[in-house]
Amino acid sequence: MMFSKIFQYAYLVFAVLFLYDGISKWNLDRTASYLSLGLAALAIFMFFFRRRFNTKNQNKDNSN
């Protein structure tokens, strides 16, 4: 269970890294910038998805 929380917050770290990469490449290569920003959005989505999935599992385990 502890590893899932660590990986959950790792998605936020990757989102920040991809956001930085996308912003730094904005004036040089827009195509690569769009790809980095898209991956940042995907990482943020995965963070919220994993957080919701983990809370559902915790609620399910506590009810039994």
N, C-alpha and C. Protein backbone atom coordinates (compact mmCIF):
# COMPACT_ATOMS: atom_id res chain seq x y z
N MET A 1 0.82 -1.20 0.00
CA MET A 1 0.00 0.00 0.00
C MET A 1 0.86 1.26 0.00
N MET A 2 1.98 1.20 0.69
CA MET A 2 2.85 2.37 0.76
C MET A 2 3.45 2.68 -0.62
N PHE A 3 3.76 1.63 -1.39
CA PHE A 3 4.34 1.86 -2.70
C PHE A 3 3.36 2.55 -3.64
N SER A 4 2.10 2.26 -3.51
CA SER A 4 1.13 2.90 -4.39
C SER A 4 1.02 4.39 -4.10
N LYS A 5 1.17 4.79 -2.84
CA LYS A 5 1.16 6.22 -2.52
C LYS A 5 2.41 6.91 -3.04
N ILE A 6 3.54 6.21 -3.00
CA ILE A 6 4.78 6.79 -3.52
C ILE A 6 4.66 6.98 -5.03
N PHE A 7 4.16 5.97 -5.73
CA PHE A 7 4.01 6.09 -7.17
C PHE A 7 2.94 7.12 -7.54
N GLN A 8 1.96 7.28 -6.68
CA GLN A 8 0.92 8.27 -6.92
C GLN A 8 1.54 9.66 -6.97
N TYR A 9 2.43 9.97 -6.04
CA TYR A 9 3.06 11.28 -6.02
C TYR A 9 4.20 11.39 -7.03
N ALA A 10 4.69 10.26 -7.50
CA ALA A 10 5.71 10.29 -8.56
C ALA A 10 5.10 10.85 -9.85
N TYR A 11 3.80 10.62 -10.06
CA TYR A 11 3.14 11.19 -11.23
C TYR A 11 3.19 12.72 -11.19
N LEU A 12 3.06 13.30 -10.02
CA LEU A 12 3.15 14.76 -9.92
C LEU A 12 4.56 15.25 -10.22
N VAL A 13 5.55 14.50 -9.77
CA VAL A 13 6.94 14.87 -10.05
C VAL A 13 7.19 14.84 -11.55
N PHE A 14 6.71 13.78 -12.21
CA PHE A 14 6.88 13.70 -13.65
C PHE A 14 6.11 14.81 -14.36
N ALA A 15 4.96 15.18 -13.85
CA ALA A 15 4.18 16.26 -14.46
C ALA A 15 4.96 17.57 -14.40
N VAL A 16 5.59 17.83 -13.28
CA VAL A 16 6.38 19.06 -13.15
C VAL A 16 7.57 19.03 -14.10
N LEU A 17 8.22 17.88 -14.21
CA LEU A 17 9.36 17.77 -15.12
C LEU A 17 8.95 17.96 -16.58
N PHE A 18 7.85 17.34 -16.97
CA PHE A 18 7.36 17.49 -18.34
C PHE A 18 6.88 18.92 -18.61
N LEU A 19 6.29 19.55 -17.61
CA LEU A 19 5.85 20.94 -17.77
C LEU A 19 7.06 21.85 -17.98
N TYR A 20 8.09 21.65 -17.18
CA TYR A 20 9.32 22.44 -17.34
C TYR A 20 9.92 22.22 -18.72
N ASP A 21 9.96 20.97 -19.16
CA ASP A 21 10.52 20.64 -20.46
C ASP A 21 9.71 21.28 -21.57
N GLY A 22 8.39 21.24 -21.46
CA GLY A 22 7.54 21.84 -22.48
C GLY A 22 7.68 23.34 -22.56
N ILE A 23 7.79 23.98 -21.42
CA ILE A 23 7.94 25.45 -21.42
C ILE A 23 9.30 25.85 -21.94
N SER A 24 10.34 25.10 -21.58
CA SER A 24 11.68 25.46 -22.03
C SER A 24 11.86 25.24 -23.53
N LYS A 25 11.12 24.31 -24.13
CA LYS A 25 11.22 24.03 -25.57
C LYS A 25 10.22 24.84 -26.40
N TRP A 26 9.40 25.67 -25.78
CA TRP A 26 8.31 26.34 -26.48
C TRP A 26 8.80 27.16 -27.68
N ASN A 27 9.88 27.94 -27.53
CA ASN A 27 10.35 28.78 -28.63
C ASN A 27 11.23 28.03 -29.61
N LEU A 28 11.79 26.90 -29.21
CA LEU A 28 12.70 26.16 -30.08
C LEU A 28 11.96 25.20 -31.01
N ASP A 29 11.12 24.36 -30.44
CA ASP A 29 10.44 23.33 -31.23
C ASP A 29 9.04 23.12 -30.65
N ARG A 30 8.05 23.66 -31.33
CA ARG A 30 6.68 23.59 -30.82
C ARG A 30 6.15 22.17 -30.77
N THR A 31 6.53 21.32 -31.72
CA THR A 31 6.01 19.95 -31.75
C THR A 31 6.46 19.18 -30.51
N ALA A 32 7.72 19.28 -30.17
CA ALA A 32 8.24 18.61 -28.97
C ALA A 32 7.63 19.23 -27.71
N SER A 33 7.36 20.51 -27.78
CA SER A 33 6.74 21.18 -26.64
C SER A 33 5.33 20.67 -26.41
N TYR A 34 4.56 20.50 -27.48
CA TYR A 34 3.20 19.96 -27.35
C TYR A 34 3.22 18.55 -26.78
N LEU A 35 4.20 17.77 -27.20
CA LEU A 35 4.31 16.41 -26.69
C LEU A 35 4.61 16.41 -25.20
N SER A 36 5.52 17.26 -24.76
CA SER A 36 5.85 17.34 -23.33
C SER A 36 4.66 17.84 -22.52
N LEU A 37 3.95 18.82 -23.02
CA LEU A 37 2.78 19.33 -22.31
C LEU A 37 1.66 18.31 -22.26
N GLY A 38 1.52 17.53 -23.32
CA GLY A 38 0.54 16.45 -23.33
C GLY A 38 0.88 15.37 -22.30
N LEU A 39 2.15 15.04 -22.20
CA LEU A 39 2.56 14.06 -21.20
C LEU A 39 2.38 14.59 -19.78
N ALA A 40 2.57 15.89 -19.60
CA ALA A 40 2.34 16.49 -18.29
C ALA A 40 0.86 16.40 -17.93
N ALA A 41 -0.01 16.66 -18.89
CA ALA A 41 -1.45 16.56 -18.64
C ALA A 41 -1.84 15.11 -18.32
N LEU A 42 -1.24 14.17 -19.03
CA LEU A 42 -1.50 12.76 -18.77
C LEU A 42 -1.04 12.35 -17.37
N ALA A 43 0.11 12.85 -16.95
CA ALA A 43 0.62 12.54 -15.62
C ALA A 43 -0.28 13.11 -14.53
N ILE A 44 -0.81 14.30 -14.74
CA ILE A 44 -1.72 14.90 -13.76
C ILE A 44 -3.02 14.10 -13.71
N PHE A 45 -3.52 13.67 -14.87
CA PHE A 45 -4.71 12.83 -14.90
C PHE A 45 -4.47 11.52 -14.16
N MET A 46 -3.33 10.91 -14.38
CA MET A 46 -3.02 9.64 -13.72
C MET A 46 -2.90 9.81 -12.21
N PHE A 47 -2.39 10.96 -11.75
CA PHE A 47 -2.32 11.22 -10.31
C PHE A 47 -3.71 11.18 -9.70
N PHE A 48 -4.65 11.91 -10.30
CA PHE A 48 -6.01 11.95 -9.74
C PHE A 48 -6.73 10.61 -9.89
N PHE A 49 -6.47 9.92 -10.99
CA PHE A 49 -7.07 8.60 -11.19
C PHE A 49 -6.57 7.62 -10.14
N ARG A 50 -5.27 7.58 -9.91
CA ARG A 50 -4.71 6.66 -8.93
C ARG A 50 -5.17 7.01 -7.51
N ARG A 51 -5.27 8.31 -7.22
CA ARG A 51 -5.72 8.72 -5.89
C ARG A 51 -7.15 8.27 -5.64
N ARG A 52 -8.00 8.42 -6.64
CA ARG A 52 -9.39 7.99 -6.50
C ARG A 52 -9.48 6.47 -6.37
N PHE A 53 -8.69 5.75 -7.16
CA PHE A 53 -8.67 4.30 -7.11
C PHE A 53 -8.19 3.82 -5.73
N ASN A 54 -7.16 4.45 -5.18
CA ASN A 54 -6.65 4.07 -3.86
C ASN A 54 -7.66 4.34 -2.75
N THR A 55 -8.38 5.44 -2.83
CA THR A 55 -9.39 5.72 -1.79
C THR A 55 -10.55 4.74 -1.88
N LYS A 56 -10.92 4.33 -3.11
CA LYS A 56 -11.97 3.32 -3.25
C LYS A 56 -11.54 2.00 -2.63
N ASN A 57 -10.30 1.62 -2.85
CA ASN A 57 -9.80 0.37 -2.27
C ASN A 57 -9.72 0.45 -0.75
N GLN A 58 -9.32 1.59 -0.22
CA GLN A 58 -9.26 1.74 1.23
C GLN A 58 -10.64 1.69 1.86
N ASN A 59 -11.63 2.33 1.23
CA ASN A 59 -12.99 2.29 1.74
C ASN A 59 -13.56 0.88 1.67
N LYS A 60 -13.23 0.15 0.61
CA LYS A 60 -13.69 -1.20 0.44
C LYS A 60 -13.08 -2.12 1.51
N ASP A 61 -11.79 -1.93 1.80
CA ASP A 61 -11.12 -2.74 2.82
C ASP A 61 -11.62 -2.42 4.21
N ASN A 62 -11.95 -1.16 4.48
CA ASN A 62 -12.44 -0.78 5.81
C ASN A 62 -13.85 -1.24 6.08
N SER A 63 -14.64 -1.42 5.02
CA SER A 63 -16.03 -1.83 5.23
C SER A 63 -16.14 -3.32 5.55
N ASN A 64 -15.14 -4.11 5.19
CA ASN A 64 -15.19 -5.56 5.46
C ASN A 64 -14.67 -5.90 6.81
